[in-house]
Protein backbone atom coordinates (compact mmCIF):
# COMPACT_ATOMS: atom_id res chain seq x y z
CA MET A 1 12.17 -13.69 4.30
CA ARG A 2 13.33 -13.54 0.86
CA GLU A 3 14.81 -10.23 1.87
CA ILE A 4 16.33 -11.82 5.17
CA LEU A 5 17.52 -14.07 2.99
CA GLU A 6 19.38 -11.87 0.78
CA LEU A 7 21.05 -9.99 3.59
CA LEU A 8 22.32 -13.07 4.86
CA ASN A 9 23.71 -14.03 1.84
CA LEU A 10 26.02 -10.97 1.67
CA ARG A 11 27.68 -12.17 4.90
CA VAL A 12 29.19 -15.11 2.16
CA SER A 13 30.58 -12.51 -0.03
CA SER A 14 34.35 -11.87 0.95
CA THR A 15 33.90 -7.83 -1.01
CA THR A 16 30.28 -7.36 0.63
CA ARG A 17 31.35 -4.63 3.40
CA CYS A 18 28.72 -3.71 6.34
CA GLY A 19 27.67 -0.29 4.77
CA ASP A 20 26.54 -2.72 1.69
CA VAL A 21 24.30 -4.46 4.26
CA GLN A 22 23.14 -0.77 6.10
CA ARG A 23 22.32 0.62 2.63
CA LYS A 24 19.83 -2.66 1.88
CA ALA A 25 18.24 -2.36 5.35
CA GLU A 26 17.91 1.49 4.60
CA ILE A 27 16.16 0.78 1.40
CA LYS A 28 13.89 -1.85 3.26
CA LEU A 29 12.96 0.48 5.83
CA ALA A 30 11.84 3.04 3.37
CA GLN A 31 9.43 0.50 1.60
CA VAL A 32 8.17 -0.33 4.86
CA GLU A 33 7.75 3.02 5.88
CA ALA A 34 5.97 3.94 2.73
CA LYS A 35 3.25 1.25 2.75
CA ALA A 36 2.87 2.17 6.34
CA ARG A 37 1.81 5.50 5.64
CA ASP A 38 -0.56 3.94 2.76
CA LEU A 39 -2.39 1.68 5.11
CA LYS A 40 -2.84 4.73 7.46
CA ALA A 41 -4.15 6.42 4.69
CA LEU A 42 -6.77 3.95 3.73
CA ALA A 43 -7.57 3.40 7.03
CA ARG A 44 -8.58 6.93 7.74
CA VAL A 45 -10.66 6.62 4.44
CA LEU A 46 -12.57 3.51 5.81
CA LYS A 47 -13.19 5.01 8.80
CA ASP A 48 -14.44 7.95 7.31
CA LEU A 49 -16.66 5.59 4.96
CA ILE A 50 -18.08 3.61 8.01
CA ARG A 51 -18.86 6.69 10.05
CA ALA A 52 -21.08 7.69 6.82
CA CYS A 53 -22.62 4.73 6.18
CA ARG A 54 -26.40 4.08 7.66
CA ALA A 55 -26.95 0.43 7.84
CA GLY A 56 -30.70 0.71 7.13
CA GLN A 57 -30.19 2.12 3.91
CA PRO A 58 -30.63 0.21 0.79
CA THR A 59 -27.52 -0.63 -1.07
CA ASP A 60 -28.27 2.02 -3.77
CA ARG A 61 -27.50 4.62 -1.18
CA CYS A 62 -24.34 2.91 0.40
CA PRO A 63 -21.66 5.75 0.52
CA ILE A 64 -18.81 2.61 0.96
CA LEU A 65 -20.46 1.05 -2.33
CA LYS A 66 -20.73 4.25 -4.24
CA SER A 67 -17.41 5.45 -3.07
CA LEU A 68 -15.98 2.03 -4.89
CA GLU A 69 -17.93 2.42 -7.74
CA GLU A 70 -16.40 5.73 -8.56
CA LYS A 71 -12.69 4.50 -7.88
CA ARG A 72 -13.56 1.78 -10.23
CA ARG A 73 -14.83 4.38 -13.05
CA SER A 74 -12.23 6.93 -12.40
CA ASP A 75 -9.63 4.08 -12.69
CA ASP A 76 -11.17 2.66 -15.73
CA GLY A 77 -11.58 6.17 -17.36
CA ASN A 78 -7.54 6.31 -16.58
CA ARG A 79 -6.82 3.37 -18.59
CA LYS A 80 -8.85 4.74 -21.23
CA ALA A 81 -6.96 7.93 -21.35
CA LYS A 82 -3.66 6.13 -21.59
CA ARG A 83 -4.32 3.93 -24.78
């Protein structure tokens, strides 16, 4: 909604041209497409984890939880390395 209002507010400005609106729309499109790629990648990872899951296993053998723990450890290690 905020972006739509920004675009509509450009109409009020006498110095704004259609090309300005087009550039802002192109930037937003690139952001949306990047987010869509990220979501598709996340969906693939989740599907793989769900396929690897064996519902009857105890949680200490759950591939979903193991993957999340590994990701957390990796993120924690990256934070420590940056300090």
